[in-house]
Amino acid sequence: MRIRLLDLDRGGAVELEVDEKAHPTSIIEKLREMGLVSRYETVMFGVTPNGRQIFYVPAATIEQLVAYSNQTKQPISFRRFPIHGYGKS
Protein backbone atom coordinates (compact mmCIF):
# COMPACT_ATOMS: atom_id res chain seq x y z
CA MET A 1 0.00 0.00 0.00
CA ARG A 2 1.27 3.45 -0.86
CA ILE A 3 0.48 6.18 1.67
CA ARG A 4 1.13 9.90 1.67
CA LEU A 5 2.06 11.75 4.86
CA LEU A 6 2.42 15.47 5.44
CA ASP A 7 5.66 16.51 7.14
CA LEU A 8 4.53 19.28 9.50
CA ASP A 9 8.09 20.18 10.55
CA ARG A 10 9.72 20.60 7.14
CA GLY A 11 6.66 21.06 4.98
CA GLY A 12 5.79 19.00 1.97
CA ALA A 13 4.66 15.43 1.67
CA VAL A 14 6.33 12.03 1.85
CA GLU A 15 5.14 8.90 0.08
CA LEU A 16 5.82 5.49 1.62
CA GLU A 17 5.30 1.94 0.47
CA VAL A 18 4.08 -0.03 3.51
CA ASP A 19 2.31 -3.26 4.34
CA GLU A 20 -1.33 -2.39 4.94
CA LYS A 21 -1.64 -5.10 7.61
CA ALA A 22 1.40 -3.82 9.56
CA HIS A 23 1.14 -1.94 12.83
CA PRO A 24 1.20 1.85 12.32
CA THR A 25 4.53 2.13 14.17
CA SER A 26 6.15 0.58 11.10
CA ILE A 27 5.73 4.05 9.57
CA ILE A 28 8.41 5.31 11.97
CA GLU A 29 10.85 2.59 10.88
CA LYS A 30 10.17 3.36 7.21
CA LEU A 31 10.85 7.08 7.81
CA ARG A 32 14.14 6.16 9.52
CA GLU A 33 15.12 3.91 6.60
CA MET A 34 14.50 6.81 4.23
CA GLY A 35 16.71 9.09 6.35
CA LEU A 36 13.87 11.47 7.20
CA VAL A 37 14.01 10.74 10.95
CA SER A 38 17.27 10.34 12.85
CA ARG A 39 17.95 7.66 15.44
CA TYR A 40 17.69 10.39 18.10
CA GLU A 41 14.14 11.25 17.06
CA THR A 42 10.76 9.65 17.01
CA VAL A 43 7.57 10.83 15.38
CA MET A 44 3.99 11.41 16.35
CA PHE A 45 1.65 10.64 13.50
CA GLY A 46 -2.07 10.82 13.01
CA VAL A 47 -4.53 13.05 11.22
CA THR A 48 -4.44 16.82 11.06
CA PRO A 49 -7.51 18.98 10.65
CA ASN A 50 -5.58 22.25 10.29
CA GLY A 51 -2.04 21.40 9.15
CA ARG A 52 -0.53 22.31 12.55
CA GLN A 53 -1.86 19.86 15.14
CA ILE A 54 -1.86 16.08 15.07
CA PHE A 55 -4.71 14.04 16.46
CA TYR A 56 -3.81 10.48 17.44
CA VAL A 57 -5.83 7.74 15.76
CA PRO A 58 -6.10 4.44 17.67
CA ALA A 59 -5.57 2.03 14.78
CA ALA A 60 -4.32 -1.56 14.89
CA THR A 61 -3.18 -1.53 11.25
CA ILE A 62 -2.09 1.00 8.67
CA GLU A 63 -5.19 0.08 6.68
CA GLN A 64 -7.39 1.29 9.58
CA LEU A 65 -5.37 4.51 9.88
CA VAL A 66 -5.84 5.23 6.16
CA ALA A 67 -9.55 4.35 6.34
CA TYR A 68 -10.05 6.83 9.20
CA SER A 69 -8.11 9.49 7.29
CA ASN A 70 -10.27 8.97 4.21
CA GLN A 71 -13.50 8.91 6.23
CA THR A 72 -12.76 12.18 8.02
CA LYS A 73 -11.08 13.80 5.00
CA GLN A 74 -8.02 14.72 7.09
CA PRO A 75 -4.51 14.03 5.81
CA ILE A 76 -2.17 11.70 7.69
CA SER A 77 0.67 13.77 9.10
CA PHE A 78 3.75 13.46 11.27
CA ARG A 79 5.93 15.64 13.45
CA ARG A 80 9.39 14.84 14.86
CA PHE A 81 10.25 14.78 18.58
CA PRO A 82 13.64 14.17 20.24
CA ILE A 83 14.13 10.95 22.16
CA HIS A 84 15.19 11.96 25.66
CA GLY A 85 18.10 10.22 27.37
CA TYR A 86 20.60 10.54 24.55
CA GLY A 87 23.60 12.66 25.40
CA LYS A 88 25.37 14.71 22.79
CA SER A 89 28.78 13.32 22.00
PDB file of N, CA and C in Angstrom:
ATOM      1  N   MET A   1       0.845  -1.173   0.000  1.00  0.00           N
ATOM      2  CA  MET A   1       0.000   0.000   0.000  1.00  0.00           C
ATOM      3  C   MET A   1       0.890   1.236   0.000  1.00  0.00           C
ATOM      4  N   ARG A   2       0.527   2.194  -0.800  1.00  0.00           N
ATOM      5  CA  ARG A   2       1.273   3.449  -0.861  1.00  0.00           C
ATOM      6  C   ARG A   2       0.480   4.501  -0.083  1.00  0.00           C
ATOM      7  N   ILE A   3       1.148   5.134   0.900  1.00  0.00           N
ATOM      8  CA  ILE A   3       0.483   6.177   1.667  1.00  0.00           C
ATOM      9  C   ILE A   3       1.254   7.479   1.550  1.00  0.00           C
ATOM     10  N   ARG A   4       0.536   8.560   1.750  1.00  0.00           N
ATOM     11  CA  ARG A   4       1.127   9.902   1.669  1.00  0.00           C
ATOM     12  C   ARG A   4       0.967  10.550   3.030  1.00  0.00           C
ATOM     13  N   LEU A   5       2.076  11.076   3.570  1.00  0.00           N
ATOM     14  CA  LEU A   5       2.057  11.749   4.862  1.00  0.00           C
ATOM     15  C   LEU A   5       2.558  13.168   4.700  1.00  0.00           C
ATOM     16  N   LEU A   6       1.939  14.098   5.417  1.00  0.00           N
ATOM     17  CA  LEU A   6       2.417  15.473   5.435  1.00  0.00           C
ATOM     18  C   LEU A   6       3.480  15.602   6.519  1.00  0.00           C
ATOM     19  N   ASP A   7       4.589  16.242   6.188  1.00  0.00           N
ATOM     20  CA  ASP A   7       5.663  16.511   7.137  1.00  0.00           C
ATOM     21  C   ASP A   7       5.415  17.908   7.698  1.00  0.00           C
ATOM     22  N   LEU A   8       4.896  17.987   8.916  1.00  0.00           N
ATOM     23  CA  LEU A   8       4.531  19.276   9.496  1.00  0.00           C
ATOM     24  C   LEU A   8       5.740  20.093   9.928  1.00  0.00           C
ATOM     25  N   ASP A   9       6.889  19.454  10.137  1.00  0.00           N
ATOM     26  CA  ASP A   9       8.089  20.175  10.547  1.00  0.00           C
ATOM     27  C   ASP A   9       8.790  20.833   9.368  1.00  0.00           C
ATOM     28  N   ARG A  10       8.966  20.110   8.295  1.00  0.00           N
ATOM     29  CA  ARG A  10       9.717  20.603   7.142  1.00  0.00           C
ATOM     30  C   ARG A  10       8.834  21.038   5.985  1.00  0.00           C
ATOM     31  N   GLY A  11       7.572  20.743   6.080  1.00  0.00           N
ATOM     32  CA  GLY A  11       6.664  21.060   4.981  1.00  0.00           C
ATOM     33  C   GLY A  11       6.754  20.006   3.892  1.00  0.00           C
ATOM     34  N   GLY A  12       5.788  19.964   3.063  1.00  0.00           N
ATOM     35  CA  GLY A  12       5.787  18.998   1.973  1.00  0.00           C
ATOM     36  C   GLY A  12       5.175  17.674   2.376  1.00  0.00           C
ATOM     37  N   ALA A  13       5.245  16.746   1.454  1.00  0.00           N
ATOM     38  CA  ALA A  13       4.660  15.429   1.671  1.00  0.00           C
ATOM     39  C   ALA A  13       5.689  14.345   1.400  1.00  0.00           C
ATOM     40  N   VAL A  14       5.466  13.198   2.003  1.00  0.00           N
ATOM     41  CA  VAL A  14       6.331  12.030   1.849  1.00  0.00           C
ATOM     42  C   VAL A  14       5.444  10.865   1.456  1.00  0.00           C
ATOM     43  N   GLU A  15       5.876  10.096   0.465  1.00  0.00           N
ATOM     44  CA  GLU A  15       5.140   8.895   0.085  1.00  0.00           C
ATOM     45  C   GLU A  15       5.920   7.669   0.511  1.00  0.00           C
ATOM     46  N   LEU A  16       5.205   6.722   1.120  1.00  0.00           N
ATOM     47  CA  LEU A  16       5.818   5.492   1.621  1.00  0.00           C
ATOM     48  C   LEU A  16       5.107   4.284   1.048  1.00  0.00           C
ATOM     49  N   GLU A  17       5.874   3.234   0.843  1.00  0.00           N
ATOM     50  CA  GLU A  17       5.301   1.940   0.469  1.00  0.00           C
ATOM     51  C   GLU A  17       5.345   1.086   1.734  1.00  0.00           C
ATOM     52  N   VAL A  18       4.164   0.718   2.260  1.00  0.00           N
ATOM     53  CA  VAL A  18       4.079  -0.029   3.508  1.00  0.00           C
ATOM     54  C   VAL A  18       3.093  -1.179   3.371  1.00  0.00           C
ATOM     55  N   ASP A  19       3.234  -2.137   4.277  1.00  0.00           N
ATOM     56  CA  ASP A  19       2.310  -3.264   4.342  1.00  0.00           C
ATOM     57  C   ASP A  19       1.039  -2.786   5.042  1.00  0.00           C
ATOM     58  N   GLU A  20      -0.088  -2.901   4.376  1.00  0.00           N
ATOM     59  CA  GLU A  20      -1.335  -2.386   4.937  1.00  0.00           C
ATOM     60  C   GLU A  20      -1.768  -3.113   6.203  1.00  0.00           C
ATOM     61  N   LYS A  21      -1.283  -4.327   6.417  1.00  0.00           N
ATOM     62  CA  LYS A  21      -1.643  -5.101   7.614  1.00  0.00           C
ATOM     63  C   LYS A  21      -0.662  -4.873   8.762  1.00  0.00           C
ATOM     64  N   ALA A  22       0.395  -4.088   8.526  1.00  0.00           N
ATOM     65  CA  ALA A  22       1.404  -3.820   9.558  1.00  0.00           C
ATOM     66  C   ALA A  22       0.867  -2.846  10.598  1.00  0.00           C
ATOM     67  N   HIS A  23       1.488  -2.883  11.778  1.00  0.00           N
ATOM     68  CA  HIS A  23       1.139  -1.940  12.834  1.00  0.00           C
ATOM     69  C   HIS A  23       1.580  -0.537  12.402  1.00  0.00           C
ATOM     70  N   PRO A  24       0.840   0.486  12.749  1.00  0.00           N
ATOM     71  CA  PRO A  24       1.199   1.848  12.321  1.00  0.00           C
ATOM     72  C   PRO A  24       2.608   2.301  12.738  1.00  0.00           C
ATOM     73  N   THR A  25       3.173   1.723  13.785  1.00  0.00           N
ATOM     74  CA  THR A  25       4.529   2.132  14.169  1.00  0.00           C
ATOM     75  C   THR A  25       5.568   1.761  13.115  1.00  0.00           C
ATOM     76  N   SER A  26       5.211   0.897  12.179  1.00  0.00           N
ATOM     77  CA  SER A  26       6.148   0.579  11.097  1.00  0.00           C
ATOM     78  C   SER A  26       6.400   1.803  10.217  1.00  0.00           C
ATOM     79  N   ILE A  27       5.520   2.796  10.290  1.00  0.00           N
ATOM     80  CA  ILE A  27       5.725   4.049   9.568  1.00  0.00           C
ATOM     81  C   ILE A  27       7.004   4.725  10.071  1.00  0.00           C
ATOM     82  N   ILE A  28       7.218   4.690  11.384  1.00  0.00           N
ATOM     83  CA  ILE A  28       8.414   5.306  11.971  1.00  0.00           C
ATOM     84  C   ILE A  28       9.674   4.642  11.429  1.00  0.00           C
ATOM     85  N   GLU A  29       9.684   3.319  11.396  1.00  0.00           N
ATOM     86  CA  GLU A  29      10.848   2.594  10.878  1.00  0.00           C
ATOM     87  C   GLU A  29      11.094   2.917   9.415  1.00  0.00           C
ATOM     88  N   LYS A  30      10.037   3.036   8.638  1.00  0.00           N
ATOM     89  CA  LYS A  30      10.172   3.364   7.215  1.00  0.00           C
ATOM     90  C   LYS A  30      10.756   4.770   7.045  1.00  0.00           C
ATOM     91  N   LEU A  31      10.312   5.723   7.873  1.00  0.00           N
ATOM     92  CA  LEU A  31      10.848   7.082   7.812  1.00  0.00           C
ATOM     93  C   LEU A  31      12.327   7.099   8.192  1.00  0.00           C
ATOM     94  N   ARG A  32      12.720   6.261   9.145  1.00  0.00           N
ATOM     95  CA  ARG A  32      14.137   6.157   9.522  1.00  0.00           C
ATOM     96  C   ARG A  32      14.951   5.566   8.374  1.00  0.00           C
ATOM     97  N   GLU A  33      14.431   4.530   7.735  1.00  0.00           N
ATOM     98  CA  GLU A  33      15.121   3.912   6.599  1.00  0.00           C
ATOM     99  C   GLU A  33      15.341   4.914   5.470  1.00  0.00           C
ATOM    100  N   MET A  34      14.399   5.808   5.289  1.00  0.00           N
ATOM    101  CA  MET A  34      14.498   6.815   4.226  1.00  0.00           C
ATOM    102  C   MET A  34      15.393   7.984   4.627  1.00  0.00           C
ATOM    103  N   GLY A  35      15.840   8.019   5.881  1.00  0.00           N
ATOM    104  CA  GLY A  35      16.706   9.093   6.346  1.00  0.00           C
ATOM    105  C   GLY A  35      15.966  10.368   6.719  1.00  0.00           C
ATOM    106  N   LEU A  36      14.661  10.290   6.860  1.00  0.00           N
ATOM    107  CA  LEU A  36      13.868  11.470   7.202  1.00  0.00           C
ATOM    108  C   LEU A  36      13.757  11.690   8.708  1.00  0.00           C
ATOM    109  N   VAL A  37      14.047  10.662   9.482  1.00  0.00           N
ATOM    110  CA  VAL A  37      14.011  10.742  10.946  1.00  0.00           C
ATOM    111  C   VAL A  37      15.306  10.125  11.452  1.00  0.00           C
ATOM    112  N   SER A  38      16.001  10.858  12.331  1.00  0.00           N
ATOM    113  CA  SER A  38      17.274  10.339  12.849  1.00  0.00           C
ATOM    114  C   SER A  38      17.024   9.325  13.961  1.00  0.00           C
ATOM    115  N   ARG A  39      18.082   8.651  14.364  1.00  0.00           N
ATOM    116  CA  ARG A  39      17.946   7.665  15.439  1.00  0.00           C
ATOM    117  C   ARG A  39      17.727   8.329  16.788  1.00  0.00           C
ATOM    118  N   TYR A  40      17.922   9.630  16.864  1.00  0.00           N
ATOM    119  CA  TYR A  40      17.695  10.385  18.095  1.00  0.00           C
ATOM    120  C   TYR A  40      16.319  11.046  18.125  1.00  0.00           C
ATOM    121  N   GLU A  41      15.483  10.682  17.154  1.00  0.00           N
ATOM    122  CA  GLU A  41      14.144  11.254  17.060  1.00  0.00           C
ATOM    123  C   GLU A  41      13.105  10.145  16.954  1.00  0.00           C
ATOM    124  N   THR A  42      11.906  10.492  17.306  1.00  0.00           N
ATOM    125  CA  THR A  42      10.760   9.648  17.014  1.00  0.00           C
ATOM    126  C   THR A  42       9.706  10.563  16.400  1.00  0.00           C
ATOM    127  N   VAL A  43       8.613  10.006  15.974  1.00  0.00           N
ATOM    128  CA  VAL A  43       7.572  10.835  15.382  1.00  0.00           C
ATOM    129  C   VAL A  43       6.226  10.541  16.021  1.00  0.00           C
ATOM    130  N   MET A  44       5.396  11.552  16.008  1.00  0.00           N
ATOM    131  CA  MET A  44       3.989  11.407  16.353  1.00  0.00           C
ATOM    132  C   MET A  44       3.268  11.508  15.029  1.00  0.00           C
ATOM    133  N   PHE A  45       2.392  10.574  14.751  1.00  0.00           N
ATOM    134  CA  PHE A  45       1.654  10.642  13.497  1.00  0.00           C
ATOM    135  C   PHE A  45       0.174  10.422  13.778  1.00  0.00           C
ATOM    136  N   GLY A  46      -0.619  10.920  12.903  1.00  0.00           N
ATOM    137  CA  GLY A  46      -2.065  10.825  13.007  1.00  0.00           C
ATOM    138  C   GLY A  46      -2.680  11.698  11.939  1.00  0.00           C
ATOM    139  N   VAL A  47      -3.869  12.191  12.196  1.00  0.00           N
ATOM    140  CA  VAL A  47      -4.527  13.051  11.215  1.00  0.00           C
ATOM    141  C   VAL A  47      -4.436  14.499  11.684  1.00  0.00           C
ATOM    142  N   THR A  48      -4.500  15.400  10.729  1.00  0.00           N
ATOM    143  CA  THR A  48      -4.441  16.823  11.063  1.00  0.00           C
ATOM    144  C   THR A  48      -5.604  17.559  10.417  1.00  0.00           C
ATOM    145  N   PRO A  49      -6.396  18.224  11.222  1.00  0.00           N
ATOM    146  CA  PRO A  49      -7.505  18.979  10.652  1.00  0.00           C
ATOM    147  C   PRO A  49      -7.082  20.353  10.124  1.00  0.00           C
ATOM    148  N   ASN A  50      -5.955  20.879  10.625  1.00  0.00           N
ATOM    149  CA  ASN A  50      -5.582  22.253  10.286  1.00  0.00           C
ATOM    150  C   ASN A  50      -4.148  22.405   9.785  1.00  0.00           C
ATOM    151  N   GLY A  51      -3.413  21.313   9.646  1.00  0.00           N
ATOM    152  CA  GLY A  51      -2.043  21.399   9.153  1.00  0.00           C
ATOM    153  C   GLY A  51      -1.030  21.812  10.203  1.00  0.00           C
ATOM    154  N   ARG A  52      -1.453  21.930  11.470  1.00  0.00           N
ATOM    155  CA  ARG A  52      -0.535  22.310  12.552  1.00  0.00           C
ATOM    156  C   ARG A  52      -0.544  21.305  13.696  1.00  0.00           C
ATOM    157  N   GLN A  53      -1.720  20.799  14.040  1.00  0.00           N
ATOM    158  CA  GLN A  53      -1.859  19.858  15.138  1.00  0.00           C
ATOM    159  C   GLN A  53      -2.036  18.451  14.604  1.00  0.00           C
ATOM    160  N   ILE A  54      -1.663  17.479  15.442  1.00  0.00           N
ATOM    161  CA  ILE A  54      -1.857  16.080  15.070  1.00  0.00           C
ATOM    162  C   ILE A  54      -2.787  15.448  16.087  1.00  0.00           C
ATOM    163  N   PHE A  55      -3.808  14.777  15.601  1.00  0.00           N
ATOM    164  CA  PHE A  55      -4.711  14.039  16.464  1.00  0.00           C
ATOM    165  C   PHE A  55      -4.399  12.555  16.316  1.00  0.00           C
ATOM    166  N   TYR A  56      -4.133  11.914  17.421  1.00  0.00           N
ATOM    167  CA  TYR A  56      -3.809  10.485  17.443  1.00  0.00           C
ATOM    168  C   TYR A  56      -5.023   9.682  16.995  1.00  0.00           C
ATOM    169  N   VAL A  57      -4.774   8.638  16.221  1.00  0.00           N
ATOM    170  CA  VAL A  57      -5.833   7.739  15.761  1.00  0.00           C
ATOM    171  C   VAL A  57      -5.518   6.344  16.294  1.00  0.00           C
ATOM    172  N   PRO A  58      -6.347   5.802  17.176  1.00  0.00           N
ATOM    173  CA  PRO A  58      -6.096   4.445  17.666  1.00  0.00           C
ATOM    174  C   PRO A  58      -6.419   3.421  16.580  1.00  0.00           C
ATOM    175  N   ALA A  59      -5.389   2.970  15.885  1.00  0.00           N
ATOM    176  CA  ALA A  59      -5.566   2.027  14.780  1.00  0.00           C
ATOM    177  C   ALA A  59      -4.629   0.842  14.985  1.00  0.00           C
ATOM    178  N   ALA A  60      -5.122  -0.347  14.734  1.00  0.00           N
ATOM    179  CA  ALA A  60      -4.320  -1.558  14.887  1.00  0.00           C
ATOM    180  C   ALA A  60      -3.482  -1.845  13.643  1.00  0.00           C
ATOM    181  N   THR A  61      -3.914  -1.316  12.498  1.00  0.00           N
ATOM    182  CA  THR A  61      -3.179  -1.529  11.250  1.00  0.00           C
ATOM    183  C   THR A  61      -3.109  -0.214  10.468  1.00  0.00           C
ATOM    184  N   ILE A  62      -2.203  -0.174   9.530  1.00  0.00           N
ATOM    185  CA  ILE A  62      -2.093   1.004   8.669  1.00  0.00           C
ATOM    186  C   ILE A  62      -3.356   1.155   7.834  1.00  0.00           C
ATOM    187  N   GLU A  63      -3.942   0.045   7.447  1.00  0.00           N
ATOM    188  CA  GLU A  63      -5.191   0.076   6.682  1.00  0.00           C
ATOM    189  C   GLU A  63      -6.289   0.824   7.451  1.00  0.00           C
ATOM    190  N   GLN A  64      -6.392   0.601   8.765  1.00  0.00           N
ATOM    191  CA  GLN A  64      -7.389   1.294   9.583  1.00  0.00           C
ATOM    192  C   GLN A  64      -7.075   2.786   9.695  1.00  0.00           C
ATOM    193  N   LEU A  65      -5.787   3.113   9.813  1.00  0.00           N
ATOM    194  CA  LEU A  65      -5.366   4.510   9.876  1.00  0.00           C
ATOM    195  C   LEU A  65      -5.758   5.241   8.595  1.00  0.00           C
ATOM    196  N   VAL A  66      -5.501   4.629   7.456  1.00  0.00           N
ATOM    197  CA  VAL A  66      -5.840   5.227   6.160  1.00  0.00           C
ATOM    198  C   VAL A  66      -7.351   5.332   5.998  1.00  0.00           C
ATOM    199  N   ALA A  67      -8.085   4.316   6.439  1.00  0.00           N
ATOM    200  CA  ALA A  67      -9.549   4.355   6.338  1.00  0.00           C
ATOM    201  C   ALA A  67     -10.111   5.510   7.159  1.00  0.00           C
ATOM    202  N   TYR A  68      -9.579   5.720   8.365  1.00  0.00           N
ATOM    203  CA  TYR A  68     -10.049   6.834   9.195  1.00  0.00           C
ATOM    204  C   TYR A  68      -9.722   8.170   8.532  1.00  0.00           C
ATOM    205  N   SER A  69      -8.522   8.273   7.981  1.00  0.00           N
ATOM    206  CA  SER A  69      -8.107   9.494   7.291  1.00  0.00           C
ATOM    207  C   SER A  69      -9.048   9.798   6.124  1.00  0.00           C
ATOM    208  N   ASN A  70      -9.370   8.789   5.354  1.00  0.00           N
ATOM    209  CA  ASN A  70     -10.273   8.966   4.210  1.00  0.00           C
ATOM    210  C   ASN A  70     -11.689   9.323   4.660  1.00  0.00           C
ATOM    211  N   GLN A  71     -12.145   8.673   5.724  1.00  0.00           N
ATOM    212  CA  GLN A  71     -13.500   8.909   6.226  1.00  0.00           C
ATOM    213  C   GLN A  71     -13.671  10.333   6.740  1.00  0.00           C
ATOM    214  N   THR A  72     -12.660  10.840   7.441  1.00  0.00           N
ATOM    215  CA  THR A  72     -12.760  12.176   8.025  1.00  0.00           C
ATOM    216  C   THR A  72     -12.217  13.269   7.106  1.00  0.00           C
ATOM    217  N   LYS A  73     -11.648  12.859   5.977  1.00  0.00           N
ATOM    218  CA  LYS A  73     -11.077  13.796   4.998  1.00  0.00           C
ATOM    219  C   LYS A  73      -9.982  14.670   5.616  1.00  0.00           C
ATOM    220  N   GLN A  74      -9.156  14.045   6.470  1.00  0.00           N
ATOM    221  CA  GLN A  74      -8.021  14.723   7.092  1.00  0.00           C
ATOM    222  C   GLN A  74      -6.748  13.989   6.664  1.00  0.00           C
ATOM    223  N   PRO A  75      -5.727  14.705   6.249  1.00  0.00           N
ATOM    224  CA  PRO A  75      -4.505  14.034   5.811  1.00  0.00           C
ATOM    225  C   PRO A  75      -3.748  13.404   6.989  1.00  0.00           C
ATOM    226  N   ILE A  76      -3.060  12.308   6.707  1.00  0.00           N
ATOM    227  CA  ILE A  76      -2.172  11.699   7.690  1.00  0.00           C
ATOM    228  C   ILE A  76      -0.907  12.542   7.740  1.00  0.00           C
ATOM    229  N   SER A  77      -0.468  12.871   8.935  1.00  0.00           N
ATOM    230  CA  SER A  77       0.673  13.772   9.103  1.00  0.00           C
ATOM    231  C   SER A  77       1.607  13.245  10.172  1.00  0.00           C
ATOM    232  N   PHE A  78       2.830  13.808  10.192  1.00  0.00           N
ATOM    233  CA  PHE A  78       3.750  13.460  11.266  1.00  0.00           C
ATOM    234  C   PHE A  78       4.587  14.654  11.665  1.00  0.00           C
ATOM    235  N   ARG A  79       5.065  14.607  12.888  1.00  0.00           N
ATOM    236  CA  ARG A  79       5.933  15.644  13.448  1.00  0.00           C
ATOM    237  C   ARG A  79       7.019  14.942  14.268  1.00  0.00           C
ATOM    238  N   ARG A  80       8.249  15.439  14.169  1.00  0.00           N
ATOM    239  CA  ARG A  80       9.394  14.845  14.862  1.00  0.00           C
ATOM    240  C   ARG A  80       9.503  15.339  16.306  1.00  0.00           C
ATOM    241  N   PHE A  81       9.979  14.441  17.181  1.00  0.00           N
ATOM    242  CA  PHE A  81      10.251  14.782  18.577  1.00  0.00           C
ATOM    243  C   PHE A  81      11.556  14.108  18.991  1.00  0.00           C
ATOM    244  N   PRO A  82      12.380  14.791  19.792  1.00  0.00           N
ATOM    245  CA  PRO A  82      13.636  14.168  20.241  1.00  0.00           C
ATOM    246  C   PRO A  82      13.344  13.039  21.231  1.00  0.00           C
ATOM    247  N   ILE A  83      14.192  12.026  21.176  1.00  0.00           N
ATOM    248  CA  ILE A  83      14.127  10.951  22.159  1.00  0.00           C
ATOM    249  C   ILE A  83      15.004  11.375  23.314  1.00  0.00           C
ATOM    250  N   HIS A  84      14.441  11.507  24.491  1.00  0.00           N
ATOM    251  CA  HIS A  84      15.188  11.958  25.662  1.00  0.00           C
ATOM    252  C   HIS A  84      16.078  10.833  26.188  1.00  0.00           C
ATOM    253  N   GLY A  85      17.206  11.210  26.804  1.00  0.00           N
ATOM    254  CA  GLY A  85      18.102  10.219  27.372  1.00  0.00           C
ATOM    255  C   GLY A  85      19.377  10.065  26.574  1.00  0.00           C
ATOM    256  N   TYR A  86      19.382  10.594  25.358  1.00  0.00           N
ATOM    257  CA  TYR A  86      20.603  10.537  24.555  1.00  0.00           C
ATOM    258  C   TYR A  86      21.445  11.769  24.849  1.00  0.00           C
ATOM    259  N   GLY A  87      22.691  11.539  25.187  1.00  0.00           N
ATOM    260  CA  GLY A  87      23.598  12.661  25.398  1.00  0.00           C
ATOM    261  C   GLY A  87      24.281  13.039  24.111  1.00  0.00           C
ATOM    262  N   LYS A  88      24.640  14.282  24.005  1.00  0.00           N
ATOM    263  CA  LYS A  88      25.367  14.712  22.791  1.00  0.00           C
ATOM    264  C   LYS A  88      26.821  14.343  22.963  1.00  0.00           C
ATOM    265  N   SER A  89      27.360  13.733  21.951  1.00  0.00           N
ATOM    266  CA  SER A  89      28.775  13.317  22.000  1.00  0.00           C
ATOM    267  C   SER A  89      29.645  14.282  21.245  1.00  0.00           C
TER     268      SER A  89
END
